PDB file of N, CA and C in Angstrom:
ATOM      1  N   MET A   1       0.996  -1.190   0.030  1.00  0.00           N
ATOM      2  CA  MET A   1       0.072  -0.076   0.334  1.00  0.00           C
ATOM      3  C   MET A   1       0.812   1.307   0.035  1.00  0.00           C
ATOM      4  N   GLU A   2       0.498   1.931  -0.959  1.00  0.00           N
ATOM      5  CA  GLU A   2       1.297   3.594  -0.883  1.00  0.00           C
ATOM      6  C   GLU A   2       1.040   4.528  -0.316  1.00  0.00           C
ATOM      7  N   LEU A   3       1.515   4.891   0.556  1.00  0.00           N
ATOM      8  CA  LEU A   3       1.058   6.363   1.310  1.00  0.00           C
ATOM      9  C   LEU A   3       1.187   7.398   0.612  1.00  0.00           C
ATOM     10  N   MET A   4       0.203   7.945   0.993  1.00  0.00           N
ATOM     11  CA  MET A   4       0.192   9.178   0.130  1.00  0.00           C
ATOM     12  C   MET A   4       0.331  10.643   1.087  1.00  0.00           C
ATOM     13  N   GLU A   5       1.255  11.404   0.182  1.00  0.00           N
ATOM     14  CA  GLU A   5       1.749  12.612   1.389  1.00  0.00           C
ATOM     15  C   GLU A   5       0.596  13.674   1.051  1.00  0.00           C
ATOM     16  N   GLN A   6       0.403  14.424   1.839  1.00  0.00           N
ATOM     17  CA  GLN A   6      -0.713  15.655   1.738  1.00  0.00           C
ATOM     18  C   GLN A   6       0.117  16.916   2.125  1.00  0.00           C
ATOM     19  N   ARG A   7      -0.165  17.904   1.192  1.00  0.00           N
ATOM     20  CA  ARG A   7       0.476  19.251   1.465  1.00  0.00           C
ATOM     21  C   ARG A   7      -1.104  20.570   1.264  1.00  0.00           C
ATOM     22  N   ILE A   8      -0.639  21.325   2.153  1.00  0.00           N
ATOM     23  CA  ILE A   8      -1.288  22.545   1.636  1.00  0.00           C
ATOM     24  C   ILE A   8      -0.713  23.566   0.628  1.00  0.00           C
ATOM     25  N   LEU A   9      -1.387  23.656  -0.523  1.00  0.00           N
ATOM     26  CA  LEU A   9      -0.778  24.566  -1.238  1.00  0.00           C
ATOM     27  C   LEU A   9      -1.432  26.147  -1.315  1.00  0.00           C
ATOM     28  N   GLU A  10      -0.873  27.014  -1.447  1.00  0.00           N
ATOM     29  CA  GLU A  10      -1.332  28.504  -1.727  1.00  0.00           C
ATOM     30  C   GLU A  10      -1.737  28.912  -3.015  1.00  0.00           C
ATOM     31  N   ASN A  11      -2.828  29.211  -3.067  1.00  0.00           N
ATOM     32  CA  ASN A  11      -3.122  29.742  -4.354  1.00  0.00           C
ATOM     33  C   ASN A  11      -3.891  31.009  -4.238  1.00  0.00           C
ATOM     34  N   VAL A  12      -3.805  31.905  -5.487  1.00  0.00           N
ATOM     35  CA  VAL A  12      -4.536  32.735  -5.632  1.00  0.00           C
ATOM     36  C   VAL A  12      -5.489  33.129  -6.700  1.00  0.00           C
ATOM     37  N   VAL A  13      -6.610  33.816  -6.786  1.00  0.00           N
ATOM     38  CA  VAL A  13      -7.490  33.867  -7.663  1.00  0.00           C
ATOM     39  C   VAL A  13      -7.576  35.170  -8.167  1.00  0.00           C
ATOM     40  N   TRP A  14      -8.154  35.809  -9.308  1.00  0.00           N
ATOM     41  CA  TRP A  14      -8.533  37.224  -9.865  1.00  0.00           C
ATOM     42  C   TRP A  14      -9.259  36.891 -11.008  1.00  0.00           C
ATOM     43  N   LYS A  15      -9.899  37.956 -11.046  1.00  0.00           N
ATOM     44  CA  LYS A  15     -10.928  38.511 -12.328  1.00  0.00           C
ATOM     45  C   LYS A  15      -9.937  39.056 -13.392  1.00  0.00           C
ATOM     46  N   GLU A  16     -10.209  38.577 -14.266  1.00  0.00           N
ATOM     47  CA  GLU A  16      -9.151  38.976 -15.574  1.00  0.00           C
ATOM     48  C   GLU A  16     -10.095  38.733 -17.060  1.00  0.00           C
ATOM     49  N   GLY A  17     -10.774  39.956 -17.064  1.00  0.00           N
ATOM     50  CA  GLY A  17     -11.790  40.308 -18.050  1.00  0.00           C
ATOM     51  C   GLY A  17     -13.015  39.519 -17.899  1.00  0.00           C
ATOM     52  N   LYS A  18     -13.593  38.739 -18.467  1.00  0.00           N
ATOM     53  CA  LYS A  18     -14.785  37.870 -18.085  1.00  0.00           C
ATOM     54  C   LYS A  18     -14.606  36.578 -17.201  1.00  0.00           C
ATOM     55  N   TYR A  19     -13.018  36.083 -17.462  1.00  0.00           N
ATOM     56  CA  TYR A  19     -12.535  34.931 -16.645  1.00  0.00           C
ATOM     57  C   TYR A  19     -12.160  35.074 -15.146  1.00  0.00           C
ATOM     58  N   TYR A  20     -11.839  34.030 -14.585  1.00  0.00           N
ATOM     59  CA  TYR A  20     -11.179  33.941 -13.102  1.00  0.00           C
ATOM     60  C   TYR A  20      -9.900  33.489 -13.567  1.00  0.00           C
ATOM     61  N   VAL A  21      -8.771  33.756 -13.112  1.00  0.00           N
ATOM     62  CA  VAL A  21      -7.794  32.972 -12.880  1.00  0.00           C
ATOM     63  C   VAL A  21      -7.171  32.409 -11.579  1.00  0.00           C
ATOM     64  N   ALA A  22      -6.740  31.180 -11.707  1.00  0.00           N
ATOM     65  CA  ALA A  22      -6.377  30.762 -10.175  1.00  0.00           C
ATOM     66  C   ALA A  22      -5.090  29.922 -10.803  1.00  0.00           C
ATOM     67  N   GLN A  23      -4.068  30.613  -9.932  1.00  0.00           N
ATOM     68  CA  GLN A  23      -2.700  30.393 -10.003  1.00  0.00           C
ATOM     69  C   GLN A  23      -2.151  29.520  -8.549  1.00  0.00           C
ATOM     70  N   CYS A  24      -1.310  28.480  -8.920  1.00  0.00           N
ATOM     71  CA  CYS A  24      -0.877  27.872  -7.547  1.00  0.00           C
ATOM     72  C   CYS A  24       0.669  28.466  -7.115  1.00  0.00           C
ATOM     73  N   LEU A  25       1.027  29.011  -6.299  1.00  0.00           N
ATOM     74  CA  LEU A  25       2.175  29.852  -5.852  1.00  0.00           C
ATOM     75  C   LEU A  25       3.190  28.500  -5.521  1.00  0.00           C
ATOM     76  N   ASN A  26       3.027  27.175  -5.291  1.00  0.00           N
ATOM     77  CA  ASN A  26       3.724  26.571  -4.950  1.00  0.00           C
ATOM     78  C   ASN A  26       4.431  25.694  -6.157  1.00  0.00           C
ATOM     79  N   ILE A  27       3.577  25.541  -7.266  1.00  0.00           N
ATOM     80  CA  ILE A  27       3.819  24.732  -8.243  1.00  0.00           C
ATOM     81  C   ILE A  27       3.743  25.967  -9.440  1.00  0.00           C
ATOM     82  N   ASP A  28       4.309  26.196 -10.695  1.00  0.00           N
ATOM     83  CA  ASP A  28       4.168  26.908 -11.887  1.00  0.00           C
ATOM     84  C   ASP A  28       2.951  26.628 -12.656  1.00  0.00           C
ATOM     85  N   ILE A  29       1.846  26.655 -11.835  1.00  0.00           N
ATOM     86  CA  ILE A  29       0.794  26.195 -13.021  1.00  0.00           C
ATOM     87  C   ILE A  29      -0.652  27.213 -12.622  1.00  0.00           C
ATOM     88  N   SER A  30      -0.998  27.512 -13.552  1.00  0.00           N
ATOM     89  CA  SER A  30      -2.518  28.132 -13.337  1.00  0.00           C
ATOM     90  C   SER A  30      -3.839  27.371 -14.212  1.00  0.00           C
ATOM     91  N   SER A  31      -4.825  28.262 -14.203  1.00  0.00           N
ATOM     92  CA  SER A  31      -6.308  27.572 -14.669  1.00  0.00           C
ATOM     93  C   SER A  31      -7.171  28.522 -14.634  1.00  0.00           C
ATOM     94  N   PHE A  32      -8.465  28.729 -15.442  1.00  0.00           N
ATOM     95  CA  PHE A  32      -9.283  29.730 -15.430  1.00  0.00           C
ATOM     96  C   PHE A  32     -10.607  29.160 -15.677  1.00  0.00           C
ATOM     97  N   GLY A  33     -11.839  29.875 -15.125  1.00  0.00           N
ATOM     98  CA  GLY A  33     -13.195  29.360 -15.711  1.00  0.00           C
ATOM     99  C   GLY A  33     -14.002  30.977 -15.418  1.00  0.00           C
ATOM    100  N   GLU A  34     -15.134  30.267 -15.583  1.00  0.00           N
ATOM    101  CA  GLU A  34     -15.946  31.456 -15.777  1.00  0.00           C
ATOM    102  C   GLU A  34     -16.579  31.833 -14.359  1.00  0.00           C
ATOM    103  N   SER A  35     -16.255  31.245 -13.333  1.00  0.00           N
ATOM    104  CA  SER A  35     -16.581  31.248 -12.000  1.00  0.00           C
ATOM    105  C   SER A  35     -15.243  31.313 -11.282  1.00  0.00           C
ATOM    106  N   ARG A  36     -14.973  31.480  -9.800  1.00  0.00           N
ATOM    107  CA  ARG A  36     -14.040  31.351  -9.076  1.00  0.00           C
ATOM    108  C   ARG A  36     -14.252  30.152  -8.563  1.00  0.00           C
ATOM    109  N   GLU A  37     -15.017  29.403  -8.632  1.00  0.00           N
ATOM    110  CA  GLU A  37     -15.168  27.924  -8.280  1.00  0.00           C
ATOM    111  C   GLU A  37     -14.777  27.501  -9.269  1.00  0.00           C
ATOM    112  N   GLU A  38     -15.279  27.561 -10.483  1.00  0.00           N
ATOM    113  CA  GLU A  38     -15.018  26.766 -11.552  1.00  0.00           C
ATOM    114  C   GLU A  38     -13.352  27.093 -11.910  1.00  0.00           C
ATOM    115  N   ALA A  39     -12.870  28.088 -11.789  1.00  0.00           N
ATOM    116  CA  ALA A  39     -11.451  28.373 -11.830  1.00  0.00           C
ATOM    117  C   ALA A  39     -10.651  27.446 -10.939  1.00  0.00           C
ATOM    118  N   LEU A  40     -11.085  27.213  -9.721  1.00  0.00           N
ATOM    119  CA  LEU A  40     -10.344  26.641  -8.553  1.00  0.00           C
ATOM    120  C   LEU A  40     -10.451  24.768  -8.814  1.00  0.00           C
ATOM    121  N   THR A  41     -11.900  24.440  -9.448  1.00  0.00           N
ATOM    122  CA  THR A  41     -11.616  23.305  -9.640  1.00  0.00           C
ATOM    123  C   THR A  41     -11.051  22.904 -10.902  1.00  0.00           C
ATOM    124  N   ASN A  42     -10.905  23.526 -11.514  1.00  0.00           N
ATOM    125  CA  ASN A  42      -9.961  23.500 -12.969  1.00  0.00           C
ATOM    126  C   ASN A  42      -8.602  23.866 -12.433  1.00  0.00           C
ATOM    127  N   LEU A  43      -8.145  24.306 -11.525  1.00  0.00           N
ATOM    128  CA  LEU A  43      -6.420  24.509 -10.852  1.00  0.00           C
ATOM    129  C   LEU A  43      -6.669  23.074 -10.087  1.00  0.00           C
ATOM    130  N   ASP A  44      -7.229  22.706  -9.435  1.00  0.00           N
ATOM    131  CA  ASP A  44      -6.787  21.409  -8.659  1.00  0.00           C
ATOM    132  C   ASP A  44      -7.031  20.392  -9.428  1.00  0.00           C
ATOM    133  N   GLU A  45      -7.726  19.997 -10.591  1.00  0.00           N
ATOM    134  CA  GLU A  45      -7.451  19.160 -11.637  1.00  0.00           C
ATOM    135  C   GLU A  45      -6.351  19.183 -12.410  1.00  0.00           C
ATOM    136  N   ALA A  46      -5.705  20.809 -12.697  1.00  0.00           N
ATOM    137  CA  ALA A  46      -4.583  20.701 -13.474  1.00  0.00           C
ATOM    138  C   ALA A  46      -3.556  20.269 -12.565  1.00  0.00           C
ATOM    139  N   ILE A  47      -3.306  20.443 -11.160  1.00  0.00           N
ATOM    140  CA  ILE A  47      -2.356  20.212 -10.232  1.00  0.00           C
ATOM    141  C   ILE A  47      -2.296  18.646 -10.064  1.00  0.00           C
ATOM    142  N   ASN A  48      -3.407  18.076  -9.812  1.00  0.00           N
ATOM    143  CA  ASN A  48      -3.305  16.442  -9.663  1.00  0.00           C
ATOM    144  C   ASN A  48      -2.811  16.049 -11.192  1.00  0.00           C
ATOM    145  N   LEU A  49      -3.143  16.413 -12.154  1.00  0.00           N
ATOM    146  CA  LEU A  49      -2.479  15.838 -13.312  1.00  0.00           C
ATOM    147  C   LEU A  49      -1.068  16.200 -13.433  1.00  0.00           C
ATOM    148  N   TYR A  50      -0.806  16.761 -12.874  1.00  0.00           N
ATOM    149  CA  TYR A  50       0.567  17.661 -12.890  1.00  0.00           C
ATOM    150  C   TYR A  50       1.705  16.396 -12.092  1.00  0.00           C
ATOM    151  N   LEU A  51       0.954  16.337 -10.673  1.00  0.00           N
ATOM    152  CA  LEU A  51       1.730  15.649  -9.283  1.00  0.00           C
ATOM    153  C   LEU A  51       1.472  14.236  -9.736  1.00  0.00           C
ATOM    154  N   GLU A  52       0.550  13.378 -10.888  1.00  0.00           N
ATOM    155  CA  GLU A  52       0.713  12.090 -11.131  1.00  0.00           C
ATOM    156  C   GLU A  52       1.871  11.535 -11.475  1.00  0.00           C
ATOM    157  N   ASP A  53       3.163  12.653 -12.205  1.00  0.00           N
ATOM    158  CA  ASP A  53       4.025  12.220 -12.839  1.00  0.00           C
ATOM    159  C   ASP A  53       4.793  12.084 -11.769  1.00  0.00           C
ATOM    160  N   ASP A  54       5.774  11.276 -11.493  1.00  0.00           N
ATOM    161  CA  ASP A  54       6.605  11.463 -10.224  1.00  0.00           C
ATOM    162  C   ASP A  54       7.933  11.996 -10.682  1.00  0.00           C
ATOM    163  N   GLU A  55       8.146  12.506 -11.751  1.00  0.00           N
ATOM    164  CA  GLU A  55       9.035  13.546 -12.127  1.00  0.00           C
ATOM    165  C   GLU A  55       8.969  14.897 -11.641  1.00  0.00           C
ATOM    166  N   HIS A  56       7.710  15.151 -11.637  1.00  0.00           N
ATOM    167  CA  HIS A  56       7.248  16.726 -11.186  1.00  0.00           C
ATOM    168  C   HIS A  56       7.067  17.077  -9.677  1.00  0.00           C
ATOM    169  N   GLN A  57       8.039  16.189  -8.808  1.00  0.00           N
ATOM    170  CA  GLN A  57       7.262  16.462  -7.466  1.00  0.00           C
ATOM    171  C   GLN A  57       8.305  17.770  -6.649  1.00  0.00           C
ATOM    172  N   ASP A  58       8.795  18.455  -7.518  1.00  0.00           N
ATOM    173  CA  ASP A  58       9.018  19.978  -6.986  1.00  0.00           C
ATOM    174  C   ASP A  58       8.249  20.606  -6.571  1.00  0.00           C
ATOM    175  N   ILE A  59       7.876  20.950  -4.887  1.00  0.00           N
ATOM    176  CA  ILE A  59       6.704  21.773  -4.664  1.00  0.00           C
ATOM    177  C   ILE A  59       7.762  22.925  -3.612  1.00  0.00           C
ATOM    178  N   GLN A  60       7.494  24.101  -4.184  1.00  0.00           N
ATOM    179  CA  GLN A  60       8.130  25.409  -3.155  1.00  0.00           C
ATOM    180  C   GLN A  60       7.422  25.523  -1.985  1.00  0.00           C
ATOM    181  N   ILE A  61       8.076  25.528  -1.059  1.00  0.00           N
ATOM    182  CA  ILE A  61       7.313  25.775  -0.195  1.00  0.00           C
ATOM    183  C   ILE A  61       6.975  27.461   0.194  1.00  0.00           C
ATOM    184  N   VAL A  62       5.685  27.711   0.186  1.00  0.00           N
ATOM    185  CA  VAL A  62       5.327  29.304   0.217  1.00  0.00           C
ATOM    186  C   VAL A  62       4.726  29.470   1.902  1.00  0.00           C
ATOM    187  N   GLU A  63       5.243  30.142   2.538  1.00  0.00           N
ATOM    188  CA  GLU A  63       4.180  30.570   3.654  1.00  0.00           C
ATOM    189  C   GLU A  63       4.123  31.900   4.035  1.00  0.00           C
ATOM    190  N   ASN A  64       2.690  31.932   4.284  1.00  0.00           N
ATOM    191  CA  ASN A  64       2.255  33.191   4.360  1.00  0.00           C
ATOM    192  C   ASN A  64       2.447  34.163   3.382  1.00  0.00           C
ATOM    193  N   PRO A  65       1.922  33.929   2.355  1.00  0.00           N
ATOM    194  CA  PRO A  65       2.139  34.819   1.333  1.00  0.00           C
ATOM    195  C   PRO A  65       1.222  36.143   1.577  1.00  0.00           C
ATOM    196  N   GLU A  66       1.654  37.359   0.614  1.00  0.00           N
ATOM    197  CA  GLU A  66       1.252  38.211   0.895  1.00  0.00           C
ATOM    198  C   GLU A  66       1.023  39.044  -0.446  1.00  0.00           C
ATOM    199  N   ILE A  67      -0.109  39.992  -0.351  1.00  0.00           N
ATOM    200  CA  ILE A  67      -0.337  40.456  -1.825  1.00  0.00           C
ATOM    201  C   ILE A  67       0.491  41.986  -1.761  1.00  0.00           C
ATOM    202  N   VAL A  68       1.264  42.728  -2.459  1.00  0.00           N
ATOM    203  CA  VAL A  68       2.169  43.530  -2.323  1.00  0.00           C
ATOM    204  C   VAL A  68       1.862  44.255  -3.617  1.00  0.00           C
ATOM    205  N   HIS A  69       1.721  45.767  -3.255  1.00  0.00           N
ATOM    206  CA  HIS A  69       1.255  46.806  -4.775  1.00  0.00           C
ATOM    207  C   HIS A  69       2.353  47.341  -4.630  1.00  0.00           C
ATOM    208  N   LEU A  70       2.776  47.124  -6.323  1.00  0.00           N
ATOM    209  CA  LEU A  70       4.246  48.094  -6.498  1.00  0.00           C
ATOM    210  C   LEU A  70       3.674  48.932  -7.735  1.00  0.00           C
ATOM    211  N   SER A  71       3.966  50.340  -7.819  1.00  0.00           N
ATOM    212  CA  SER A  71       3.957  50.975  -8.827  1.00  0.00           C
ATOM    213  C   SER A  71       5.084  51.207  -9.595  1.00  0.00           C
ATOM    214  N   VAL A  72       4.845  50.879 -10.833  1.00  0.00           N
ATOM    215  CA  VAL A  72       5.963  50.992 -12.103  1.00  0.00           C
ATOM    216  C   VAL A  72       5.626  51.946 -13.019  1.00  0.00           C
ATOM    217  N   LYS A  73       6.388  52.397 -13.758  1.00  0.00           N
ATOM    218  CA  LYS A  73       6.193  53.133 -14.839  1.00  0.00           C
ATOM    219  C   LYS A  73       6.910  52.326 -16.330  1.00  0.00           C
ATOM    220  N   TYR A  74       5.919  52.931 -17.413  1.00  0.00           N
ATOM    221  CA  TYR A  74       6.000  52.031 -18.468  1.00  0.00           C
ATOM    222  C   TYR A  74       5.795  52.773 -19.670  1.00  0.00           C
ATOM    223  N   ALA A  75       6.596  52.640 -20.888  1.00  0.00           N
ATOM    224  CA  ALA A  75       6.166  53.492 -21.900  1.00  0.00           C
ATOM    225  C   ALA A  75       5.135  52.571 -22.953  1.00  0.00           C
TER     226      ALA A  75
END
């Protein structure tokens, strides 16, 4: 019997146009949907598919992420 490891992953969700985007901060994966819930469901599916491959088990530790606003100038 194989033991499964469980981790809590940090994710962010935002609205971009008419879609919601969900991004995992621990693994470079994102997805989208027409609602916040659909975006998160799609992200969960994408993460699970990614982790099925044993070669991609690199999960960054992200503790207490914080949204920080920066002002940038561009042309």
